[in-house]
C-alpha atoms as a PDB file:
ATOM      1  CA  MET A   1      -1.995  -6.672  -9.913  1.00  0.00           C
ATOM      2  CA  GLU A   2      -3.828  -6.479  -6.502  1.00  0.00           C
ATOM      3  CA  THR A   3      -3.008  -9.058  -3.967  1.00  0.00           C
ATOM      4  CA  THR A   4      -6.018 -11.273  -3.270  1.00  0.00           C
ATOM      5  CA  ALA A   5      -4.745 -14.579  -2.378  1.00  0.00           C
ATOM      6  CA  MET A   6      -6.608 -16.422   0.416  1.00  0.00           C
ATOM      7  CA  ASN A   7      -5.122 -17.659   3.460  1.00  0.00           C
ATOM      8  CA  ASP A   8      -2.265 -14.998   3.106  1.00  0.00           C
ATOM      9  CA  VAL A   9      -0.485 -14.949   6.495  1.00  0.00           C
ATOM     10  CA  PHE A  10       1.407 -11.877   7.456  1.00  0.00           C
ATOM     11  CA  ASP A  11       2.522 -10.583  11.098  1.00  0.00           C
ATOM     12  CA  ILE A  12       0.715  -7.493  12.731  1.00  0.00           C
ATOM     13  CA  THR A  13       2.375  -5.937  15.806  1.00  0.00           C
ATOM     14  CA  TRP A  14       0.277  -5.263  18.717  1.00  0.00           C
ATOM     15  CA  LYS A  15       1.917  -3.949  21.982  1.00  0.00           C
ATOM     16  CA  GLU A  16       5.541  -4.558  20.783  1.00  0.00           C
ATOM     17  CA  LYS A  17       4.748  -8.302  19.884  1.00  0.00           C
ATOM     18  CA  GLN A  18       4.330  -9.785  16.505  1.00  0.00           C
ATOM     19  CA  TYR A  19       0.978 -11.999  15.913  1.00  0.00           C
ATOM     20  CA  PRO A  20      -0.072 -13.747  12.949  1.00  0.00           C
ATOM     21  CA  CYS A  21      -2.796 -12.480  10.652  1.00  0.00           C
ATOM     22  CA  LYS A  22      -4.469 -14.698   8.041  1.00  0.00           C
ATOM     23  CA  ARG A  23      -6.626 -13.246   5.396  1.00  0.00           C
ATOM     24  CA  MET A  24      -9.820 -16.077   5.146  1.00  0.00           C
ATOM     25  CA  ARG A  25     -13.238 -16.009   3.125  1.00  0.00           C
ATOM     26  CA  MET A  26     -16.282 -16.952   5.351  1.00  0.00           C
ATOM     27  CA  GLY A  27     -19.027 -17.036   3.266  1.00  0.00           C
ATOM     28  CA  ASP A  28     -19.225 -14.020   0.875  1.00  0.00           C
ATOM     29  CA  SER A  29     -16.898 -12.127   3.101  1.00  0.00           C
ATOM     30  CA  ILE A  30     -13.177 -11.411   3.751  1.00  0.00           C
ATOM     31  CA  VAL A  31     -12.428 -12.049   7.170  1.00  0.00           C
ATOM     32  CA  PHE A  32      -8.700 -11.611   9.000  1.00  0.00           C
ATOM     33  CA  VAL A  33      -7.914 -13.652  11.962  1.00  0.00           C
ATOM     34  CA  ILE A  34      -5.206 -12.247  14.288  1.00  0.00           C
ATOM     35  CA  GLY A  35      -3.795 -15.152  16.272  1.00  0.00           C
ATOM     36  CA  PHE A  36      -3.646 -13.532  19.712  1.00  0.00           C
ATOM     37  CA  THR A  37      -2.546 -16.353  22.285  1.00  0.00           C
ATOM     38  CA  GLN A  38      -5.667 -16.507  24.801  1.00  0.00           C
ATOM     39  CA  GLN A  39      -8.391 -15.811  22.090  1.00  0.00           C
ATOM     40  CA  PRO A  40      -8.202 -15.140  18.280  1.00  0.00           C
ATOM     41  CA  LEU A  41      -9.633 -11.741  17.094  1.00  0.00           C
ATOM     42  CA  PHE A  42     -11.736 -12.185  13.730  1.00  0.00           C
ATOM     43  CA  LEU A  43     -11.959  -8.625  11.843  1.00  0.00           C
ATOM     44  CA  GLY A  44     -13.782  -7.410   8.847  1.00  0.00           C
ATOM     45  CA  LYS A  45     -14.684  -4.442   6.718  1.00  0.00           C
ATOM     46  CA  GLY A  46     -17.893  -2.837   6.975  1.00  0.00           C
ATOM     47  CA  VAL A  47     -19.400  -0.103   5.007  1.00  0.00           C
ATOM     48  CA  ASP A  48     -21.299   3.029   6.559  1.00  0.00           C
ATOM     49  CA  ILE A  49     -24.255   4.856   5.359  1.00  0.00           C
ATOM     50  CA  ASN A  50     -21.851   7.263   3.275  1.00  0.00           C
ATOM     51  CA  GLN A  51     -20.195   4.002   1.897  1.00  0.00           C
ATOM     52  CA  GLU A  52     -16.868   4.639   3.648  1.00  0.00           C
ATOM     53  CA  GLU A  53     -15.370   1.123   4.723  1.00  0.00           C
ATOM     54  CA  PHE A  54     -14.453   0.712   8.388  1.00  0.00           C
ATOM     55  CA  TRP A  55     -12.719  -2.206  10.351  1.00  0.00           C
ATOM     56  CA  VAL A  56     -15.030  -4.056  12.562  1.00  0.00           C
ATOM     57  CA  SER A  57     -14.536  -7.062  15.039  1.00  0.00           C
ATOM     58  CA  ILE A  58     -16.613 -10.106  14.629  1.00  0.00           C
ATOM     59  CA  PRO A  59     -18.611 -10.315  16.539  1.00  0.00           C
ATOM     60  CA  ALA A  60     -19.064  -6.580  17.182  1.00  0.00           C
ATOM     61  CA  ASP A  61     -17.666  -5.105  20.285  1.00  0.00           C
ATOM     62  CA  SER A  62     -17.477  -1.497  21.019  1.00  0.00           C
ATOM     63  CA  LYS A  63     -14.871  -2.233  23.900  1.00  0.00           C
ATOM     64  CA  LEU A  64     -12.471  -3.202  21.045  1.00  0.00           C
ATOM     65  CA  THR A  65     -12.835  -0.246  18.797  1.00  0.00           C
ATOM     66  CA  ARG A  66      -9.106   1.330  19.150  1.00  0.00           C
ATOM     67  CA  VAL A  67      -7.536  -2.002  18.614  1.00  0.00           C
ATOM     68  CA  VAL A  68      -9.638  -2.848  15.848  1.00  0.00           C
ATOM     69  CA  ARG A  69      -8.935   0.469  14.299  1.00  0.00           C
ATOM     70  CA  GLU A  70      -5.282   0.253  14.826  1.00  0.00           C
ATOM     71  CA  ILE A  71      -4.946  -3.344  13.619  1.00  0.00           C
ATOM     72  CA  GLY A  72      -6.836  -2.523  10.783  1.00  0.00           C
ATOM     73  CA  ALA A  73      -4.391   0.171   9.773  1.00  0.00           C
ATOM     74  CA  GLN A  74      -1.989  -2.102   9.862  1.00  0.00           C
ATOM     75  CA  ILE A  75      -3.768  -4.533   7.584  1.00  0.00           C
ATOM     76  CA  ASP A  76      -4.568  -1.927   4.939  1.00  0.00           C
ATOM     77  CA  GLU A  77      -0.767  -0.721   4.969  1.00  0.00           C
ATOM     78  CA  HIS A  78       0.318  -4.428   4.587  1.00  0.00           C
ATOM     79  CA  TYR A  79      -1.632  -4.740   1.237  1.00  0.00           C
ATOM     80  CA  ARG A  80      -0.806  -1.129   0.211  1.00  0.00           C
ATOM     81  CA  GLN A  81       3.200  -2.311   0.180  1.00  0.00           C
ATOM     82  CA  ALA A  82       2.211  -5.612  -1.234  1.00  0.00           C
ATOM     83  CA  ASN A  83      -0.042  -4.071  -4.139  1.00  0.00           C
ATOM     84  CA  ALA A  84       3.169  -1.372  -4.871  1.00  0.00           C
ATOM     85  CA  LYS A  85       5.504  -4.049  -5.548  1.00  0.00           C
END
């Protein structure tokens, strides 16, 4: 069974520190809020012209591309592991 619980909270690691990551519904979309100390980071998934999913910050910010990609990979891995159980 796929894990789809809203308000699921788990930790992600960024620069050797743990931060809470919360899954939420925003309108018709699922977003993830990472609780960085100064300002939370909102992430979602987009779909490109080839129907490939990719992670994006909300609002989109090209300066965050590497951060979003790395944190998005951790979120994907969290759900891969949760769904494998």
